[in-house]
Amino acid sequence: MSTTNLETPVDPAPATTEAGVAGTDRWYLASAPIVRALVHLCVPMAAAMIVGAIYNVVNAGFIGSLHDATLLAAITFAAPLLGLVMGVGGVFGVGGGALISRLLGASEHDPARADEIRRVSSFALWGSVITGAVLGGLGLMLLHPLVSLLGADAAAVPATSSFVGVMLAFVPVLAAAFCLEQLVRAEGAARQVMVALIASTVANVVFDILFILVLPWGVAGAALAMGLSNLGVVAYFAIWLHRRSAHLSLAPKWFTLSPAVLKPVFGVGVGELLQSGFLIVTALVLNNLAVAYGDTALAAMGVAVRIAQVPEFLVMGVTLGVLPLLAYAYGKGDRARLRSALRVSAITVGGIVAISATTLIVFSEQVFSVFVDDRSVLALGATILTAQLVAMVANGFAGLITSFFQATGRASAAIVMSLAQGVLFIPIVILGNLWFGLAGIIWALTLTEGIVLVVGIVMWLVSRRAIERGLVESAADGTRAEDGTRAVDAEGAVAPVVAPIEASANA
């Protein structure tokens, strides 16, 4: 036998690994009962989103206390830009997080994957920071044209410029905060994400009181409060990962532009950016069309959206929270766990949408009366809420399919799902308004979400064979690794694992 290809036994893995220690974040991904894993991953996600929605209302209240309509308008005009910044963070965070979870699953069989995980996490963070810095700098250079593009009229330009100017200075921080949130979730540390986001919300409120009510800084103070609170999120996640994570690294020395990292990260992450962009466009189109039907329609639509947000956030908590679990099981090649996680999360989504939609539709007028007492708004609002809730049913399952595509690295399918809603909604709502008036606008989203769900189901059926092949390959890698033999070259470097039959042939 050649001395350059000796078969050297590898010491068996310790009986208790991190993945096998009950109660650890990795254990929830690797081997915890599915229901318990979903509770650990999804409940904190939903709670953080609901707290964030409550903060948006509180923040608007602080600005509203200054009794200047242009200040509230400034925040509204800046909302699309903030959504775009979050989309940039999502490119690196969601794409990097899905890849990290898959690599963590694969690392159960191949510990050498640890260096790949460090490269992905470092690239994701510093990629978001660098991209954020470039976009923030360009935005500040083109501040006045940007404010005009956002739609601010002459009266609102000064306030909008102040808010947007401060926010642009914090774009690297905002993008990094959203990116790190996804990376920490990728390890299964959902509780830490919840703690960070709730603490950030509390800090934001404190800063709002200081900068808006105590110091007369107005909307600039609101933007500063948002930036500083997110800076705290970045610091918290960075310290936590440095002290607690055995896999992720934020050190610049691990930063890489290797295609093996860029392709899967951007393949999944670009879909998040496209989805954020289309959500902005659809909101602008919807608002502009609804304006023609008067304040009653706008008021009813605004209240209906806010009522539907609570069950929508619960659904999103499941569809987004389960992504690391699906990715881990796929990377590990654990077919049974992947199917079980998908099945239980689908049942959970179905239960949430069925109970919430039925309850809110039956008691729609009573719920609406808490917010408004105008009978015309109540009647129209009940119809809009029904349409929103039916759309939520389709959107919930479509979101779960999208997370499944992201978790299994089906980049093209994930991008199609992200594009489909925006591409379909704009012509549907325009034609609906043209043919059916306000009713066409109200039901446009429902029809769109239904079509997107059908598209997702078709792509899922088409891709099942390819996904199955990926599972088989991952499981085969694990079988070879558990065989306990590795090829060692003349310099003592560990080569890829080889199967026993291949070892015999080499001998």
Protein backbone atom coordinates (compact mmCIF):
# COMPACT_ATOMS: atom_id res chain seq x y z
CA MET A 1 0.00 0.00 0.00
CA SER A 2 1.27 3.44 -0.83
CA THR A 3 2.42 5.52 2.12
CA THR A 4 0.66 8.53 0.62
CA ASN A 5 -2.81 7.05 1.16
CA LEU A 6 -2.82 5.30 4.49
CA GLU A 7 -6.10 4.47 6.15
CA THR A 8 -5.90 5.87 9.66
CA PRO A 9 -8.72 5.23 12.13
CA VAL A 10 -10.29 8.33 13.54
CA ASP A 11 -10.98 8.48 17.26
CA PRO A 12 -14.66 7.87 17.89
CA ALA A 13 -16.76 10.90 18.69
CA PRO A 14 -17.49 11.48 22.36
CA ALA A 15 -20.66 9.93 23.64
CA THR A 16 -22.23 13.28 24.38
CA THR A 17 -21.86 16.01 21.80
CA GLU A 18 -23.32 19.49 21.83
CA ALA A 19 -26.05 18.28 19.48
CA GLY A 20 -27.00 15.62 22.01
CA VAL A 21 -27.11 17.76 25.16
CA ALA A 22 -30.75 18.36 26.04
CA GLY A 23 -31.67 22.00 26.41
CA THR A 24 -28.86 23.41 24.25
CA ASP A 25 -29.74 25.44 21.16
CA ARG A 26 -28.10 22.84 18.91
CA TRP A 27 -30.10 20.07 20.56
CA TYR A 28 -33.34 21.77 19.53
CA LEU A 29 -32.17 21.68 15.92
CA ALA A 30 -30.68 18.20 16.01
CA SER A 31 -32.79 15.88 18.11
CA ALA A 32 -35.43 17.57 20.29
CA PRO A 33 -39.05 16.46 19.80
CA ILE A 34 -40.44 18.45 16.87
CA VAL A 35 -43.19 20.17 18.85
CA ARG A 36 -40.74 21.24 21.53
CA ALA A 37 -38.28 22.44 18.89
CA LEU A 38 -40.98 24.49 17.17
CA VAL A 39 -42.02 26.11 20.44
CA HIS A 40 -38.38 26.99 21.16
CA LEU A 41 -37.78 28.44 17.68
CA CYS A 42 -41.13 29.98 16.75
CA VAL A 43 -42.70 31.44 19.90
CA PRO A 44 -39.81 33.90 20.57
CA MET A 45 -39.89 34.91 16.90
CA ALA A 46 -43.60 35.71 16.99
CA ALA A 47 -43.29 37.49 20.35
CA ALA A 48 -40.49 39.72 19.08
CA MET A 49 -42.49 40.63 15.97
CA ILE A 50 -45.56 41.54 18.00
CA VAL A 51 -43.45 43.69 20.35
CA GLY A 52 -41.99 45.42 17.30
CA ALA A 53 -45.47 46.16 15.97
CA ILE A 54 -46.51 47.60 19.34
CA TYR A 55 -43.40 49.78 19.31
CA ASN A 56 -44.34 51.21 15.91
CA VAL A 57 -47.61 52.39 17.41
CA VAL A 58 -45.88 53.82 20.50
CA ASN A 59 -43.26 55.58 18.38
CA ALA A 60 -45.97 57.19 16.27
CA GLY A 61 -47.58 58.33 19.52
CA PHE A 62 -44.38 60.10 20.64
CA ILE A 63 -44.13 61.91 17.32
CA GLY A 64 -47.84 62.67 17.33
CA SER A 65 -47.53 64.28 20.76
CA LEU A 66 -45.65 67.13 19.06
CA HIS A 67 -48.85 68.01 17.17
CA ASP A 68 -47.14 68.50 13.82
CA ALA A 69 -48.58 66.48 10.94
CA THR A 70 -45.43 66.92 8.84
CA LEU A 71 -43.43 64.98 11.44
CA LEU A 72 -45.72 61.97 11.18
CA ALA A 73 -45.63 62.30 7.40
CA ALA A 74 -41.82 62.20 7.48
CA ILE A 75 -41.85 58.79 9.18
CA THR A 76 -44.39 57.51 6.66
CA PHE A 77 -42.34 58.73 3.71
CA ALA A 78 -39.18 57.09 5.11
CA ALA A 79 -40.85 53.70 5.68
CA PRO A 80 -40.05 52.31 2.18
CA LEU A 81 -36.39 53.24 2.61
CA LEU A 82 -36.24 51.47 5.97
CA GLY A 83 -37.81 48.41 4.38
CA LEU A 84 -35.13 48.46 1.69
CA VAL A 85 -32.38 48.62 4.34
CA MET A 86 -33.89 45.62 6.09
CA GLY A 87 -33.95 43.85 2.73
CA VAL A 88 -30.21 44.46 2.34
CA GLY A 89 -29.64 42.93 5.77
CA GLY A 90 -31.85 40.03 4.70
CA VAL A 91 -29.69 39.29 1.65
CA PHE A 92 -26.77 38.44 3.91
CA GLY A 93 -28.66 37.35 7.02
CA VAL A 94 -31.31 35.05 5.56
CA GLY A 95 -29.01 33.68 2.86
CA GLY A 96 -26.12 33.21 5.28
CA GLY A 97 -28.33 31.86 8.05
CA ALA A 98 -29.92 29.18 5.85
CA LEU A 99 -26.48 28.05 4.66
CA ILE A 100 -25.10 28.02 8.23
CA SER A 101 -27.95 25.81 9.46
CA ARG A 102 -27.35 23.36 6.61
CA LEU A 103 -23.62 23.30 7.36
CA LEU A 104 -24.31 22.74 11.07
CA GLY A 105 -26.37 19.70 10.15
CA ALA A 106 -23.62 18.43 7.86
CA SER A 107 -20.99 19.06 10.56
CA GLU A 108 -22.49 16.27 12.66
CA HIS A 109 -20.87 13.93 10.13
CA ASP A 110 -17.92 16.11 9.11
CA PRO A 111 -16.38 18.39 11.79
CA ALA A 112 -14.21 19.99 9.08
CA ARG A 113 -17.28 22.00 8.11
CA ALA A 114 -16.56 24.28 11.08
CA ASP A 115 -14.22 26.48 9.03
CA GLU A 116 -16.87 26.84 6.31
CA ILE A 117 -19.37 28.05 8.91
CA ARG A 118 -16.91 30.68 10.15
CA ARG A 119 -16.33 31.91 6.60
CA VAL A 120 -20.06 32.21 5.94
CA SER A 121 -20.80 34.09 9.17
CA SER A 122 -17.90 36.51 8.68
CA PHE A 123 -18.85 37.15 5.05
CA ALA A 124 -22.50 37.73 5.98
CA LEU A 125 -21.76 40.29 8.69
CA TRP A 126 -19.05 42.26 6.91
CA GLY A 127 -20.87 42.02 3.60
CA SER A 128 -23.93 43.67 5.18
CA VAL A 129 -21.80 46.35 6.85
CA ILE A 130 -19.87 47.22 3.68
CA THR A 131 -22.99 47.24 1.51
CA GLY A 132 -24.81 49.34 4.11
CA ALA A 133 -21.95 51.82 4.25
CA VAL A 134 -21.95 52.21 0.46
CA LEU A 135 -25.72 52.66 0.28
CA GLY A 136 -25.78 55.03 3.26
CA GLY A 137 -23.00 57.15 1.77
CA LEU A 138 -24.73 57.36 -1.63
CA GLY A 139 -28.00 58.24 0.09
CA LEU A 140 -26.42 61.11 2.01
CA MET A 141 -24.79 62.42 -1.17
CA LEU A 142 -28.17 62.34 -2.96
CA LEU A 143 -30.31 63.24 0.05
CA HIS A 144 -32.53 65.89 -1.54
CA PRO A 145 -33.36 63.90 -4.71
CA LEU A 146 -33.98 60.86 -2.52
CA VAL A 147 -36.43 62.73 -0.29
CA SER A 148 -38.32 63.94 -3.36
CA LEU A 149 -38.40 60.39 -4.74
CA LEU A 150 -39.94 59.18 -1.47
CA GLY A 151 -42.85 61.53 -2.15
CA ALA A 152 -42.34 64.28 0.44
CA ASP A 153 -44.09 67.52 -0.51
CA ALA A 154 -42.66 70.99 0.16
CA ALA A 155 -44.06 71.17 3.69
CA ALA A 156 -42.70 67.76 4.68
CA VAL A 157 -39.26 68.06 3.03
CA PRO A 158 -37.39 69.53 6.05
CA ALA A 159 -38.67 66.93 8.51
CA THR A 160 -38.25 64.06 6.06
CA SER A 161 -34.69 65.18 5.26
CA SER A 162 -33.84 65.25 8.97
CA PHE A 163 -35.23 61.78 9.62
CA VAL A 164 -33.78 60.19 6.48
CA GLY A 165 -30.40 61.91 6.92
CA VAL A 166 -29.86 60.49 10.41
CA MET A 167 -31.20 57.09 9.37
CA LEU A 168 -28.81 56.90 6.41
CA ALA A 169 -25.87 57.46 8.76
CA PHE A 170 -26.94 54.30 10.61
CA VAL A 171 -27.60 52.12 7.55
CA PRO A 172 -24.53 49.89 8.20
CA VAL A 173 -25.73 49.38 11.77
CA LEU A 174 -29.34 48.64 10.75
CA ALA A 175 -28.25 46.15 8.08
CA ALA A 176 -25.80 44.46 10.47
CA ALA A 177 -28.43 44.19 13.22
CA PHE A 178 -30.92 42.44 10.92
CA CYS A 179 -28.17 40.20 9.51
CA LEU A 180 -26.92 39.14 12.94
CA GLU A 181 -30.46 38.38 14.06
CA GLN A 182 -30.71 35.77 11.30
CA LEU A 183 -27.25 34.35 12.00
CA VAL A 184 -27.99 33.84 15.71
CA ARG A 185 -31.31 32.21 14.81
CA ALA A 186 -29.43 29.88 12.45
CA GLU A 187 -27.81 28.24 15.50
CA GLY A 188 -31.20 27.77 17.11
CA ALA A 189 -30.74 30.58 19.67
CA ALA A 190 -34.25 31.98 19.23
CA ARG A 191 -34.55 33.11 22.85
CA GLN A 192 -31.45 35.27 22.55
CA VAL A 193 -32.96 36.93 19.47
CA MET A 194 -36.16 37.62 21.37
CA VAL A 195 -34.26 39.07 24.34
CA ALA A 196 -32.20 41.31 22.06
CA LEU A 197 -35.19 42.62 20.09
CA ILE A 198 -37.34 43.27 23.15
CA ALA A 199 -34.42 45.00 24.90
CA SER A 200 -33.88 47.05 21.75
CA THR A 201 -37.53 48.08 21.76
CA VAL A 202 -37.34 49.17 25.39
CA ALA A 203 -34.12 51.11 24.72
CA ASN A 204 -35.75 52.74 21.70
CA VAL A 205 -38.65 53.95 23.83
CA VAL A 206 -36.24 55.36 26.42
CA PHE A 207 -34.26 57.14 23.72
CA ASP A 208 -37.51 58.45 22.21
CA ILE A 209 -38.47 60.00 25.53
CA LEU A 210 -35.02 61.58 25.84
CA PHE A 211 -34.57 62.79 22.27
CA ILE A 212 -38.17 63.73 21.41
CA LEU A 213 -39.84 64.79 24.66
CA VAL A 214 -36.89 66.03 26.74
CA LEU A 215 -34.62 67.31 23.97
CA PRO A 216 -36.36 69.11 21.10
CA TRP A 217 -34.89 66.99 18.32
CA GLY A 218 -38.16 65.86 16.73
CA VAL A 219 -37.94 63.24 13.97
CA ALA A 220 -34.14 63.46 13.91
CA GLY A 221 -34.28 62.30 17.54
CA ALA A 222 -36.56 59.42 16.53
CA ALA A 223 -34.09 58.31 13.86
CA LEU A 224 -31.19 58.64 16.32
CA ALA A 225 -33.10 56.55 18.87
CA MET A 226 -33.65 53.83 16.27
CA GLY A 227 -29.98 53.86 15.26
CA LEU A 228 -28.60 53.71 18.80
CA SER A 229 -30.97 50.94 19.87
CA ASN A 230 -29.90 48.86 16.87
CA LEU A 231 -26.28 49.58 17.70
CA GLY A 232 -27.02 47.97 21.05
CA VAL A 233 -28.45 44.93 19.21
CA VAL A 234 -25.25 44.59 17.18
CA ALA A 235 -23.12 44.81 20.32
CA TYR A 236 -25.28 42.24 22.16
CA PHE A 237 -25.17 39.71 19.31
CA ALA A 238 -21.44 40.22 18.73
CA ILE A 239 -20.62 39.65 22.41
CA TRP A 240 -22.97 36.67 22.66
CA LEU A 241 -21.52 34.99 19.57
CA HIS A 242 -17.96 35.60 20.76
CA ARG A 243 -18.63 34.10 24.19
CA ARG A 244 -21.18 31.39 23.47
CA SER A 245 -20.99 30.26 19.86
CA ALA A 246 -18.68 27.38 19.09
CA HIS A 247 -19.26 27.67 15.35
CA LEU A 248 -19.82 31.23 14.14
CA SER A 249 -17.07 33.82 13.89
CA LEU A 250 -17.32 37.53 13.07
CA ALA A 251 -13.55 37.96 12.78
CA PRO A 252 -12.55 39.72 9.53
CA LYS A 253 -9.81 37.12 8.99
CA TRP A 254 -12.51 34.61 7.99
CA PHE A 255 -14.02 36.97 5.40
CA THR A 256 -14.01 35.41 1.94
CA LEU A 257 -15.34 36.07 -1.54
CA SER A 258 -15.26 32.41 -2.49
CA PRO A 259 -18.00 31.41 -4.99
CA ALA A 260 -18.77 28.47 -2.68
CA VAL A 261 -19.99 31.05 -0.14
CA LEU A 262 -21.29 33.82 -2.39
CA LYS A 263 -23.47 31.66 -4.63
CA PRO A 264 -25.65 29.97 -1.95
CA VAL A 265 -25.85 33.12 0.22
CA PHE A 266 -26.95 35.39 -2.62
CA GLY A 267 -29.04 32.65 -4.20
CA VAL A 268 -31.35 32.61 -1.18
CA GLY A 269 -30.77 36.16 0.07
CA VAL A 270 -31.59 38.00 -3.16
CA GLY A 271 -35.12 36.64 -2.89
CA GLU A 272 -35.50 38.49 0.43
CA LEU A 273 -34.36 41.76 -1.17
CA LEU A 274 -36.73 41.33 -4.10
CA GLN A 275 -39.60 40.53 -1.75
CA SER A 276 -38.89 43.65 0.33
CA GLY A 277 -38.75 45.77 -2.82
CA PHE A 278 -42.03 44.43 -4.12
CA LEU A 279 -43.74 44.89 -0.75
CA ILE A 280 -42.76 48.56 -0.91
CA VAL A 281 -44.03 48.92 -4.47
CA THR A 282 -47.30 47.10 -3.75
CA ALA A 283 -47.96 49.25 -0.68
CA LEU A 284 -47.41 52.44 -2.69
CA VAL A 285 -49.65 51.23 -5.54
CA LEU A 286 -52.38 50.12 -3.15
CA ASN A 287 -52.37 53.40 -1.23
CA ASN A 288 -52.48 55.49 -4.39
CA LEU A 289 -55.42 53.54 -5.79
CA ALA A 290 -57.34 53.55 -2.50
CA VAL A 291 -56.99 57.34 -2.11
CA ALA A 292 -59.52 57.81 -4.93
CA TYR A 293 -62.23 56.20 -2.78
CA GLY A 294 -61.96 58.69 0.07
CA ASP A 295 -61.02 58.70 3.73
CA THR A 296 -63.55 56.01 4.66
CA ALA A 297 -61.83 53.41 2.48
CA LEU A 298 -58.38 54.41 3.73
CA ALA A 299 -59.49 54.32 7.37
CA ALA A 300 -61.17 50.93 6.98
CA MET A 301 -58.14 49.51 5.20
CA GLY A 302 -55.74 50.84 7.82
CA VAL A 303 -57.70 49.35 10.72
CA ALA A 304 -58.21 46.01 8.93
CA VAL A 305 -54.48 45.66 8.27
CA ARG A 306 -53.65 46.31 11.92
CA ILE A 307 -56.22 43.79 13.18
CA ALA A 308 -54.95 41.11 10.79
CA GLN A 309 -51.35 41.77 11.84
CA VAL A 310 -51.58 39.79 15.08
CA PRO A 311 -52.47 36.39 13.55
CA GLU A 312 -50.15 37.18 10.61
CA PHE A 313 -47.25 37.65 13.02
CA LEU A 314 -48.08 34.34 14.70
CA VAL A 315 -48.01 32.62 11.31
CA MET A 316 -44.76 34.34 10.35
CA GLY A 317 -43.28 33.26 13.66
CA VAL A 318 -43.82 29.65 12.56
CA THR A 319 -42.82 30.00 8.90
CA LEU A 320 -39.65 31.97 9.68
CA GLY A 321 -38.83 30.23 12.96
CA VAL A 322 -38.88 26.73 11.45
CA LEU A 323 -36.33 27.60 8.73
CA PRO A 324 -33.19 26.70 10.78
CA LEU A 325 -34.77 23.40 11.81
CA LEU A 326 -35.56 22.47 8.20
CA ALA A 327 -32.11 23.53 6.98
CA TYR A 328 -30.34 21.59 9.74
CA ALA A 329 -32.29 18.40 9.03
CA TYR A 330 -31.60 18.74 5.29
CA GLY A 331 -27.87 19.35 5.80
CA LYS A 332 -27.70 16.33 8.08
CA GLY A 333 -29.62 14.16 5.61
CA ASP A 334 -32.29 13.38 8.20
CA ARG A 335 -35.31 12.69 5.99
CA ALA A 336 -37.63 11.70 8.82
CA ARG A 337 -36.93 14.84 10.86
CA LEU A 338 -37.29 17.11 7.81
CA ARG A 339 -40.67 15.63 6.93
CA SER A 340 -41.85 15.70 10.53
CA ALA A 341 -40.83 19.35 10.97
CA LEU A 342 -42.58 20.32 7.73
CA ARG A 343 -45.72 18.39 8.63
CA VAL A 344 -46.04 19.72 12.19
CA SER A 345 -45.33 23.32 11.13
CA ALA A 346 -47.97 23.02 8.36
CA ILE A 347 -50.52 21.74 10.90
CA THR A 348 -49.58 24.61 13.24
CA VAL A 349 -49.99 27.20 10.49
CA GLY A 350 -53.31 25.64 9.50
CA GLY A 351 -54.55 25.72 13.10
CA ILE A 352 -53.56 29.36 13.61
CA VAL A 353 -55.16 30.61 10.39
CA ALA A 354 -58.31 28.51 10.84
CA ILE A 355 -58.98 29.64 14.41
CA SER A 356 -57.99 33.29 13.96
CA ALA A 357 -59.70 33.75 10.59
CA THR A 358 -62.94 32.13 11.73
CA THR A 359 -63.04 34.10 15.00
CA LEU A 360 -62.24 37.48 13.44
CA ILE A 361 -64.63 37.01 10.51
CA VAL A 362 -67.51 36.03 12.79
CA PHE A 363 -66.84 38.91 15.22
CA SER A 364 -65.45 41.41 12.69
CA GLU A 365 -67.90 44.20 13.51
CA GLN A 366 -67.37 43.87 17.24
CA VAL A 367 -63.59 43.94 16.79
CA PHE A 368 -63.77 46.94 14.45
CA SER A 369 -65.98 48.85 16.86
CA VAL A 370 -63.06 48.95 19.31
CA PHE A 371 -61.18 51.17 16.84
CA VAL A 372 -63.96 53.14 15.11
CA ASP A 373 -67.64 53.85 15.62
CA ASP A 374 -68.51 55.08 12.11
CA ARG A 375 -71.06 52.64 10.64
CA SER A 376 -69.83 53.12 7.08
CA VAL A 377 -66.26 52.30 8.14
CA LEU A 378 -67.49 49.28 10.11
CA ALA A 379 -69.37 47.80 7.15
CA LEU A 380 -66.54 48.31 4.68
CA GLY A 381 -63.93 47.27 7.23
CA ALA A 382 -65.63 43.90 7.81
CA THR A 383 -65.32 43.11 4.10
CA ILE A 384 -61.68 44.23 3.93
CA LEU A 385 -60.81 42.21 7.03
CA THR A 386 -62.39 39.10 5.53
CA ALA A 387 -60.32 39.53 2.37
CA GLN A 388 -57.16 40.09 4.44
CA LEU A 389 -57.75 36.97 6.52
CA VAL A 390 -58.45 34.74 3.52
CA ALA A 391 -55.24 36.08 1.96
CA MET A 392 -53.44 35.26 5.22
CA VAL A 393 -54.46 31.60 4.90
CA ALA A 394 -52.82 31.29 1.48
CA ASN A 395 -49.86 33.47 2.49
CA GLY A 396 -49.16 31.33 5.56
CA PHE A 397 -48.71 28.14 3.56
CA ALA A 398 -46.88 29.98 0.76
CA GLY A 399 -44.48 31.38 3.37
CA LEU A 400 -43.85 27.88 4.73
CA ILE A 401 -43.06 26.62 1.22
CA THR A 402 -40.69 29.56 0.69
CA SER A 403 -38.87 28.74 3.95
CA PHE A 404 -38.63 25.12 2.82
CA PHE A 405 -37.03 26.18 -0.48
CA GLN A 406 -34.59 28.46 1.37
CA ALA A 407 -33.73 25.75 3.88
CA THR A 408 -32.97 23.19 1.17
CA GLY A 409 -30.98 25.64 -0.95
CA ARG A 410 -33.50 25.78 -3.81
CA ALA A 411 -32.47 29.33 -4.71
CA SER A 412 -34.39 29.62 -7.99
CA ALA A 413 -37.63 28.41 -6.43
CA ALA A 414 -37.23 30.77 -3.46
CA ILE A 415 -36.64 33.72 -5.81
CA VAL A 416 -39.71 32.82 -7.87
CA MET A 417 -41.83 32.77 -4.70
CA SER A 418 -40.45 36.16 -3.70
CA LEU A 419 -41.06 37.64 -7.14
CA ALA A 420 -44.47 36.11 -7.71
CA GLN A 421 -46.41 38.23 -5.23
CA GLY A 422 -45.17 41.58 -6.54
CA VAL A 423 -45.22 40.61 -10.20
CA LEU A 424 -48.79 39.32 -9.95
CA PHE A 425 -50.27 41.81 -7.49
CA ILE A 426 -49.60 45.01 -9.44
CA PRO A 427 -51.49 44.02 -12.63
CA ILE A 428 -54.20 42.26 -10.62
CA VAL A 429 -54.92 45.27 -8.42
CA ILE A 430 -54.82 47.69 -11.36
CA LEU A 431 -57.18 45.54 -13.42
CA GLY A 432 -59.34 44.86 -10.37
CA ASN A 433 -59.73 48.59 -9.77
CA LEU A 434 -60.51 49.14 -13.46
CA TRP A 435 -63.10 46.38 -13.72
CA PHE A 436 -64.61 46.13 -10.22
CA GLY A 437 -63.74 49.39 -8.49
CA LEU A 438 -63.04 49.28 -4.74
CA ALA A 439 -64.04 45.61 -4.52
CA GLY A 440 -61.31 44.79 -7.03
CA ILE A 441 -58.74 46.54 -4.84
CA ILE A 442 -59.96 44.81 -1.68
CA TRP A 443 -59.78 41.28 -3.11
CA ALA A 444 -56.66 41.74 -5.26
CA LEU A 445 -54.29 40.59 -2.53
CA THR A 446 -56.46 37.54 -1.79
CA LEU A 447 -56.38 36.44 -5.42
CA THR A 448 -52.66 37.10 -5.66
CA GLU A 449 -51.81 35.06 -2.57
CA GLY A 450 -53.94 32.18 -3.82
CA ILE A 451 -52.06 32.09 -7.13
CA VAL A 452 -48.68 32.34 -5.36
CA LEU A 453 -49.63 29.35 -3.18
CA VAL A 454 -50.53 27.30 -6.27
CA VAL A 455 -47.21 28.27 -7.88
CA GLY A 456 -45.38 27.21 -4.72
CA ILE A 457 -47.14 23.83 -4.55
CA VAL A 458 -46.34 23.12 -8.21
CA MET A 459 -42.64 24.00 -7.73
CA TRP A 460 -42.51 21.90 -4.57
CA LEU A 461 -43.89 18.87 -6.44
CA VAL A 462 -41.46 19.40 -9.32
CA SER A 463 -38.43 19.75 -7.01
CA ARG A 464 -39.21 16.83 -4.70
CA ARG A 465 -36.94 14.43 -6.58
CA ALA A 466 -33.97 16.83 -6.49
CA ILE A 467 -34.53 17.50 -2.77
CA GLU A 468 -34.69 13.76 -2.14
CA ARG A 469 -31.35 13.31 -3.94
CA GLY A 470 -29.82 15.99 -1.71
CA LEU A 471 -31.05 14.17 1.38
CA VAL A 472 -29.63 10.87 0.15
CA GLU A 473 -26.25 12.46 -0.57
CA SER A 474 -26.13 14.10 2.88
CA ALA A 475 -27.08 10.83 4.56
CA ALA A 476 -24.42 9.00 2.52
CA ASP A 477 -21.80 11.50 3.66
CA GLY A 478 -22.82 10.79 7.22
CA THR A 479 -22.57 7.04 6.70
CA ARG A 480 -19.05 7.38 5.32
CA ALA A 481 -18.02 9.66 8.20
CA GLU A 482 -19.40 7.27 10.81
CA ASP A 483 -17.34 4.48 9.27
CA GLY A 484 -14.41 6.03 11.13
CA THR A 485 -11.74 6.07 8.40
CA ARG A 486 -10.09 9.04 6.74
CA ALA A 487 -7.37 9.21 4.15
CA VAL A 488 -4.15 10.85 5.28
CA ASP A 489 -1.67 12.19 2.77
CA ALA A 490 2.12 12.27 3.02
CA GLU A 491 2.07 15.58 4.89
CA GLY A 492 -0.44 14.36 7.46
CA ALA A 493 -3.39 16.40 6.16
CA VAL A 494 -6.81 14.80 6.44
CA ALA A 495 -8.32 14.11 3.02
CA PRO A 496 -12.02 13.59 2.25
CA VAL A 497 -13.62 10.59 3.87
CA VAL A 498 -13.57 7.47 1.70
CA ALA A 499 -15.90 4.52 1.84
CA PRO A 500 -14.53 1.08 2.86
CA ILE A 501 -14.94 -0.27 -0.68
CA GLU A 502 -12.84 2.59 -2.05
CA ALA A 503 -10.19 1.97 0.60
CA SER A 504 -9.96 -1.64 -0.47
CA ALA A 505 -9.54 -0.67 -4.09
CA ASN A 506 -6.73 1.75 -3.22
CA ALA A 507 -4.98 -0.95 -1.21
